[in-house]
Amino acid sequence: DRSYGGADPLFLVTRGDNQTDLRLGLTYTPWKLWSITPQLAHTRNSSDVVINDFERTQVFVTLRREFR
């Protein structure tokens, strides 16, 4: 969670933002030294400058191999 308040020189206004991020993931180890991590991330940014007001959902899948 973050908050921002300050001058926006492009739009000549004082900008106020509130952003919230949520990320969920789970790591699965199907084989020795290998892991798969699917993740779901959601971001909501509320702003009084319209181009900075957005909502985004992303899906990630990470495949990892450890070298020991």
PDB file of N, CA and C in Angstrom:
ATOM      1  N   ASP A   1       0.854  -1.173   0.000  1.00  0.00           N
ATOM      2  CA  ASP A   1       0.000   0.000   0.000  1.00  0.00           C
ATOM      3  C   ASP A   1       0.894   1.227   0.000  1.00  0.00           C
ATOM      4  N   ARG A   2       0.602   2.207  -0.832  1.00  0.00           N
ATOM      5  CA  ARG A   2       1.395   3.433  -0.844  1.00  0.00           C
ATOM      6  C   ARG A   2       0.493   4.617  -1.141  1.00  0.00           C
ATOM      7  N   SER A   3       0.932   5.767  -0.706  1.00  0.00           N
ATOM      8  CA  SER A   3       0.233   7.018  -0.976  1.00  0.00           C
ATOM      9  C   SER A   3       1.218   8.021  -1.542  1.00  0.00           C
ATOM     10  N   TYR A   4       0.734   8.875  -2.437  1.00  0.00           N
ATOM     11  CA  TYR A   4       1.570   9.907  -3.032  1.00  0.00           C
ATOM     12  C   TYR A   4       0.759  11.187  -3.092  1.00  0.00           C
ATOM     13  N   GLY A   5       1.389  12.272  -2.779  1.00  0.00           N
ATOM     14  CA  GLY A   5       0.759  13.580  -2.908  1.00  0.00           C
ATOM     15  C   GLY A   5       1.831  14.598  -3.249  1.00  0.00           C
ATOM     16  N   GLY A   6       1.690  15.241  -4.371  1.00  0.00           N
ATOM     17  CA  GLY A   6       2.693  16.223  -4.773  1.00  0.00           C
ATOM     18  C   GLY A   6       2.304  16.884  -6.080  1.00  0.00           C
ATOM     19  N   ALA A   7       3.108  17.830  -6.470  1.00  0.00           N
ATOM     20  CA  ALA A   7       2.836  18.578  -7.702  1.00  0.00           C
ATOM     21  C   ALA A   7       3.110  17.715  -8.919  1.00  0.00           C
ATOM     22  N   ASP A   8       2.231  17.802  -9.902  1.00  0.00           N
ATOM     23  CA  ASP A   8       2.423  17.149 -11.190  1.00  0.00           C
ATOM     24  C   ASP A   8       2.713  18.251 -12.200  1.00  0.00           C
ATOM     25  N   PRO A   9       3.978  18.403 -12.616  1.00  0.00           N
ATOM     26  CA  PRO A   9       4.345  19.532 -13.472  1.00  0.00           C
ATOM     27  C   PRO A   9       3.719  19.478 -14.867  1.00  0.00           C
ATOM     28  N   LEU A  10       3.348  18.296 -15.333  1.00  0.00           N
ATOM     29  CA  LEU A  10       2.758  18.175 -16.666  1.00  0.00           C
ATOM     30  C   LEU A  10       1.317  18.691 -16.704  1.00  0.00           C
ATOM     31  N   PHE A  11       0.554  18.420 -15.651  1.00  0.00           N
ATOM     32  CA  PHE A  11      -0.855  18.813 -15.629  1.00  0.00           C
ATOM     33  C   PHE A  11      -1.117  20.046 -14.753  1.00  0.00           C
ATOM     34  N   LEU A  12      -0.070  20.568 -14.117  1.00  0.00           N
ATOM     35  CA  LEU A  12      -0.156  21.772 -13.292  1.00  0.00           C
ATOM     36  C   LEU A  12      -1.207  21.654 -12.185  1.00  0.00           C
ATOM     37  N   VAL A  13      -1.254  20.480 -11.557  1.00  0.00           N
ATOM     38  CA  VAL A  13      -2.164  20.230 -10.436  1.00  0.00           C
ATOM     39  C   VAL A  13      -1.388  19.514  -9.333  1.00  0.00           C
ATOM     40  N   THR A  14      -1.954  19.501  -8.157  1.00  0.00           N
ATOM     41  CA  THR A  14      -1.408  18.674  -7.083  1.00  0.00           C
ATOM     42  C   THR A  14      -2.062  17.308  -7.195  1.00  0.00           C
ATOM     43  N   ARG A  15      -1.235  16.312  -7.374  1.00  0.00           N
ATOM     44  CA  ARG A  15      -1.714  14.960  -7.616  1.00  0.00           C
ATOM     45  C   ARG A  15      -1.782  14.180  -6.314  1.00  0.00           C
ATOM     46  N   GLY A  16      -2.849  13.420  -6.132  1.00  0.00           N
ATOM     47  CA  GLY A  16      -2.968  12.534  -4.987  1.00  0.00           C
ATOM     48  C   GLY A  16      -3.250  11.119  -5.473  1.00  0.00           C
ATOM     49  N   ASP A  17      -2.412  10.168  -5.083  1.00  0.00           N
ATOM     50  CA  ASP A  17      -2.566   8.768  -5.486  1.00  0.00           C
ATOM     51  C   ASP A  17      -2.630   7.887  -4.253  1.00  0.00           C
ATOM     52  N   ASN A  18      -3.400   6.818  -4.357  1.00  0.00           N
ATOM     53  CA  ASN A  18      -3.392   5.735  -3.383  1.00  0.00           C
ATOM     54  C   ASN A  18      -3.305   4.447  -4.171  1.00  0.00           C
ATOM     55  N   GLN A  19      -2.276   3.642  -3.899  1.00  0.00           N
ATOM     56  CA  GLN A  19      -2.071   2.405  -4.641  1.00  0.00           C
ATOM     57  C   GLN A  19      -2.072   1.227  -3.683  1.00  0.00           C
ATOM     58  N   THR A  20      -2.761   0.159  -4.090  1.00  0.00           N
ATOM     59  CA  THR A  20      -2.792  -1.079  -3.327  1.00  0.00           C
ATOM     60  C   THR A  20      -2.396  -2.217  -4.252  1.00  0.00           C
ATOM     61  N   ASP A  21      -1.470  -3.066  -3.802  1.00  0.00           N
ATOM     62  CA  ASP A  21      -1.016  -4.234  -4.558  1.00  0.00           C
ATOM     63  C   ASP A  21      -1.290  -5.491  -3.743  1.00  0.00           C
ATOM     64  N   LEU A  22      -1.722  -6.531  -4.444  1.00  0.00           N
ATOM     65  CA  LEU A  22      -1.918  -7.834  -3.824  1.00  0.00           C
ATOM     66  C   LEU A  22      -1.319  -8.873  -4.747  1.00  0.00           C
ATOM     67  N   ARG A  23      -0.472  -9.736  -4.198  1.00  0.00           N
ATOM     68  CA  ARG A  23       0.149 -10.782  -5.001  1.00  0.00           C
ATOM     69  C   ARG A  23       0.031 -12.104  -4.261  1.00  0.00           C
ATOM     70  N   LEU A  24      -0.464 -13.120  -4.972  1.00  0.00           N
ATOM     71  CA  LEU A  24      -0.608 -14.452  -4.411  1.00  0.00           C
ATOM     72  C   LEU A  24       0.170 -15.430  -5.279  1.00  0.00           C
ATOM     73  N   GLY A  25       0.856 -16.345  -4.651  1.00  0.00           N
ATOM     74  CA  GLY A  25       1.623 -17.330  -5.397  1.00  0.00           C
ATOM     75  C   GLY A  25       1.819 -18.594  -4.590  1.00  0.00           C
ATOM     76  N   LEU A  26       2.175 -19.645  -5.274  1.00  0.00           N
ATOM     77  CA  LEU A  26       2.412 -20.933  -4.641  1.00  0.00           C
ATOM     78  C   LEU A  26       3.546 -21.612  -5.387  1.00  0.00           C
ATOM     79  N   THR A  27       4.509 -22.128  -4.644  1.00  0.00           N
ATOM     80  CA  THR A  27       5.638 -22.810  -5.272  1.00  0.00           C
ATOM     81  C   THR A  27       5.427 -24.324  -5.198  1.00  0.00           C
ATOM     82  N   TYR A  28       5.580 -24.959  -6.337  1.00  0.00           N
ATOM     83  CA  TYR A  28       5.425 -26.408  -6.467  1.00  0.00           C
ATOM     84  C   TYR A  28       6.754 -26.984  -6.939  1.00  0.00           C
ATOM     85  N   THR A  29       7.210 -28.060  -6.306  1.00  0.00           N
ATOM     86  CA  THR A  29       8.483 -28.700  -6.663  1.00  0.00           C
ATOM     87  C   THR A  29       8.193 -30.084  -7.261  1.00  0.00           C
ATOM     88  N   PRO A  30       8.069 -30.174  -8.601  1.00  0.00           N
ATOM     89  CA  PRO A  30       7.735 -31.451  -9.227  1.00  0.00           C
ATOM     90  C   PRO A  30       8.910 -32.422  -9.307  1.00  0.00           C
ATOM     91  N   TRP A  31      10.141 -31.892  -9.381  1.00  0.00           N
ATOM     92  CA  TRP A  31      11.345 -32.714  -9.468  1.00  0.00           C
ATOM     93  C   TRP A  31      12.425 -32.086  -8.610  1.00  0.00           C
ATOM     94  N   LYS A  32      13.411 -32.862  -8.254  1.00  0.00           N
ATOM     95  CA  LYS A  32      14.534 -32.359  -7.465  1.00  0.00           C
ATOM     96  C   LYS A  32      15.221 -31.216  -8.222  1.00  0.00           C
ATOM     97  N   LEU A  33      15.478 -30.108  -7.545  1.00  0.00           N
ATOM     98  CA  LEU A  33      16.132 -28.900  -8.042  1.00  0.00           C
ATOM     99  C   LEU A  33      15.268 -28.048  -8.974  1.00  0.00           C
ATOM    100  N   TRP A  34      14.042 -28.450  -9.254  1.00  0.00           N
ATOM    101  CA  TRP A  34      13.154 -27.691 -10.131  1.00  0.00           C
ATOM    102  C   TRP A  34      11.931 -27.209  -9.341  1.00  0.00           C
ATOM    103  N   SER A  35      11.481 -25.987  -9.640  1.00  0.00           N
ATOM    104  CA  SER A  35      10.255 -25.485  -9.020  1.00  0.00           C
ATOM    105  C   SER A  35       9.457 -24.676 -10.042  1.00  0.00           C
ATOM    106  N   ILE A  36       8.153 -24.697  -9.870  1.00  0.00           N
ATOM    107  CA  ILE A  36       7.230 -23.929 -10.689  1.00  0.00           C
ATOM    108  C   ILE A  36       6.434 -23.046  -9.738  1.00  0.00           C
ATOM    109  N   THR A  37       6.365 -21.745 -10.045  1.00  0.00           N
ATOM    110  CA  THR A  37       5.644 -20.806  -9.187  1.00  0.00           C
ATOM    111  C   THR A  37       4.655 -19.995 -10.014  1.00  0.00           C
ATOM    112  N   PRO A  38       3.365 -20.357  -9.953  1.00  0.00           N
ATOM    113  CA  PRO A  38       2.361 -19.488 -10.559  1.00  0.00           C
ATOM    114  C   PRO A  38       2.005 -18.366  -9.584  1.00  0.00           C
ATOM    115  N   GLN A  39       1.758 -17.171 -10.120  1.00  0.00           N
ATOM    116  CA  GLN A  39       1.414 -16.013  -9.287  1.00  0.00           C
ATOM    117  C   GLN A  39       0.306 -15.211  -9.952  1.00  0.00           C
ATOM    118  N   LEU A  40      -0.527 -14.611  -9.112  1.00  0.00           N
ATOM    119  CA  LEU A  40      -1.565 -13.703  -9.556  1.00  0.00           C
ATOM    120  C   LEU A  40      -1.339 -12.390  -8.839  1.00  0.00           C
ATOM    121  N   ALA A  41      -1.236 -11.286  -9.594  1.00  0.00           N
ATOM    122  CA  ALA A  41      -0.972  -9.969  -9.008  1.00  0.00           C
ATOM    123  C   ALA A  41      -2.080  -9.011  -9.432  1.00  0.00           C
ATOM    124  N   HIS A  42      -2.543  -8.221  -8.478  1.00  0.00           N
ATOM    125  CA  HIS A  42      -3.577  -7.228  -8.763  1.00  0.00           C
ATOM    126  C   HIS A  42      -3.123  -5.889  -8.199  1.00  0.00           C
ATOM    127  N   THR A  43      -3.232  -4.834  -9.014  1.00  0.00           N
ATOM    128  CA  THR A  43      -2.865  -3.475  -8.606  1.00  0.00           C
ATOM    129  C   THR A  43      -4.044  -2.552  -8.851  1.00  0.00           C
ATOM    130  N   ARG A  44      -4.333  -1.709  -7.864  1.00  0.00           N
ATOM    131  CA  ARG A  44      -5.362  -0.676  -8.001  1.00  0.00           C
ATOM    132  C   ARG A  44      -4.746   0.646  -7.607  1.00  0.00           C
ATOM    133  N   ASN A  45      -4.683   1.582  -8.539  1.00  0.00           N
ATOM    134  CA  ASN A  45      -4.160   2.914  -8.264  1.00  0.00           C
ATOM    135  C   ASN A  45      -5.280   3.924  -8.464  1.00  0.00           C
ATOM    136  N   SER A  46      -5.665   4.598  -7.378  1.00  0.00           N
ATOM    137  CA  SER A  46      -6.681   5.656  -7.432  1.00  0.00           C
ATOM    138  C   SER A  46      -5.948   6.986  -7.480  1.00  0.00           C
ATOM    139  N   SER A  47      -6.276   7.812  -8.468  1.00  0.00           N
ATOM    140  CA  SER A  47      -5.602   9.091  -8.633  1.00  0.00           C
ATOM    141  C   SER A  47      -6.595  10.146  -9.072  1.00  0.00           C
ATOM    142  N   ASP A  48      -6.295  11.392  -8.728  1.00  0.00           N
ATOM    143  CA  ASP A  48      -7.140  12.470  -9.209  1.00  0.00           C
ATOM    144  C   ASP A  48      -6.676  13.000 -10.570  1.00  0.00           C
ATOM    145  N   VAL A  49      -5.597  12.443 -11.121  1.00  0.00           N
ATOM    146  CA  VAL A  49      -5.172  12.696 -12.503  1.00  0.00           C
ATOM    147  C   VAL A  49      -5.551  11.444 -13.293  1.00  0.00           C
ATOM    148  N   VAL A  50      -6.431  11.584 -14.250  1.00  0.00           N
ATOM    149  CA  VAL A  50      -7.074  10.444 -14.899  1.00  0.00           C
ATOM    150  C   VAL A  50      -6.100   9.447 -15.538  1.00  0.00           C
ATOM    151  N   ILE A  51      -4.991   9.892 -16.109  1.00  0.00           N
ATOM    152  CA  ILE A  51      -4.074   8.933 -16.739  1.00  0.00           C
ATOM    153  C   ILE A  51      -3.310   8.091 -15.716  1.00  0.00           C
ATOM    154  N   ASN A  52      -3.320   8.480 -14.439  1.00  0.00           N
ATOM    155  CA  ASN A  52      -2.677   7.702 -13.385  1.00  0.00           C
ATOM    156  C   ASN A  52      -3.670   6.855 -12.600  1.00  0.00           C
ATOM    157  N   ASP A  53      -4.931   6.847 -12.997  1.00  0.00           N
ATOM    158  CA  ASP A  53      -5.972   6.069 -12.341  1.00  0.00           C
ATOM    159  C   ASP A  53      -6.156   4.778 -13.132  1.00  0.00           C
ATOM    160  N   PHE A  54      -5.815   3.637 -12.530  1.00  0.00           N
ATOM    161  CA  PHE A  54      -5.907   2.379 -13.266  1.00  0.00           C
ATOM    162  C   PHE A  54      -6.074   1.186 -12.330  1.00  0.00           C
ATOM    163  N   GLU A  55      -6.464   0.074 -12.946  1.00  0.00           N
ATOM    164  CA  GLU A  55      -6.559  -1.213 -12.269  1.00  0.00           C
ATOM    165  C   GLU A  55      -5.923  -2.234 -13.212  1.00  0.00           C
ATOM    166  N   ARG A  56      -5.100  -3.145 -12.658  1.00  0.00           N
ATOM    167  CA  ARG A  56      -4.368  -4.093 -13.496  1.00  0.00           C
ATOM    168  C   ARG A  56      -4.308  -5.443 -12.795  1.00  0.00           C
ATOM    169  N   THR A  57      -4.516  -6.509 -13.560  1.00  0.00           N
ATOM    170  CA  THR A  57      -4.357  -7.875 -13.056  1.00  0.00           C
ATOM    171  C   THR A  57      -3.364  -8.589 -13.965  1.00  0.00           C
ATOM    172  N   GLN A  58      -2.392  -9.249 -13.353  1.00  0.00           N
ATOM    173  CA  GLN A  58      -1.355  -9.949 -14.118  1.00  0.00           C
ATOM    174  C   GLN A  58      -1.217 -11.380 -13.613  1.00  0.00           C
ATOM    175  N   VAL A  59      -0.853 -12.284 -14.535  1.00  0.00           N
ATOM    176  CA  VAL A  59      -0.587 -13.678 -14.201  1.00  0.00           C
ATOM    177  C   VAL A  59       0.846 -13.980 -14.611  1.00  0.00           C
ATOM    178  N   PHE A  60       1.599 -14.599 -13.699  1.00  0.00           N
ATOM    179  CA  PHE A  60       2.991 -14.962 -13.951  1.00  0.00           C
ATOM    180  C   PHE A  60       3.177 -16.449 -13.683  1.00  0.00           C
ATOM    181  N   VAL A  61       4.050 -17.072 -14.443  1.00  0.00           N
ATOM    182  CA  VAL A  61       4.470 -18.443 -14.161  1.00  0.00           C
ATOM    183  C   VAL A  61       5.987 -18.464 -14.272  1.00  0.00           C
ATOM    184  N   THR A  62       6.649 -18.893 -13.188  1.00  0.00           N
ATOM    185  CA  THR A  62       8.107 -18.942 -13.157  1.00  0.00           C
ATOM    186  C   THR A  62       8.550 -20.397 -13.062  1.00  0.00           C
ATOM    187  N   LEU A  63       9.452 -20.792 -13.944  1.00  0.00           N
ATOM    188  CA  LEU A  63      10.082 -22.105 -13.898  1.00  0.00           C
ATOM    189  C   LEU A  63      11.522 -21.888 -13.479  1.00  0.00           C
ATOM    190  N   ARG A  64      11.932 -22.574 -12.406  1.00  0.00           N
ATOM    191  CA  ARG A  64      13.270 -22.337 -11.857  1.00  0.00           C
ATOM    192  C   ARG A  64      14.032 -23.645 -11.690  1.00  0.00           C
ATOM    193  N   ARG A  65      15.310 -23.594 -12.036  1.00  0.00           N
ATOM    194  CA  ARG A  65      16.227 -24.729 -11.849  1.00  0.00           C
ATOM    195  C   ARG A  65      17.365 -24.244 -10.986  1.00  0.00           C
ATOM    196  N   GLU A  66      17.637 -24.929  -9.876  1.00  0.00           N
ATOM    197  CA  GLU A  66      18.752 -24.557  -9.004  1.00  0.00           C
ATOM    198  C   GLU A  66      19.995 -25.353  -9.398  1.00  0.00           C
ATOM    199  N   PHE A  67      21.134 -24.660  -9.390  1.00  0.00           N
ATOM    200  CA  PHE A  67      22.405 -25.305  -9.699  1.00  0.00           C
ATOM    201  C   PHE A  67      23.231 -25.337  -8.425  1.00  0.00           C
ATOM    202  N   ARG A  68      23.517 -26.528  -7.952  1.00  0.00           N
ATOM    203  CA  ARG A  68      24.294 -26.684  -6.699  1.00  0.00           C
ATOM    204  C   ARG A  68      25.556 -27.440  -6.963  1.00  0.00           C
TER     205      ARG A  68
END
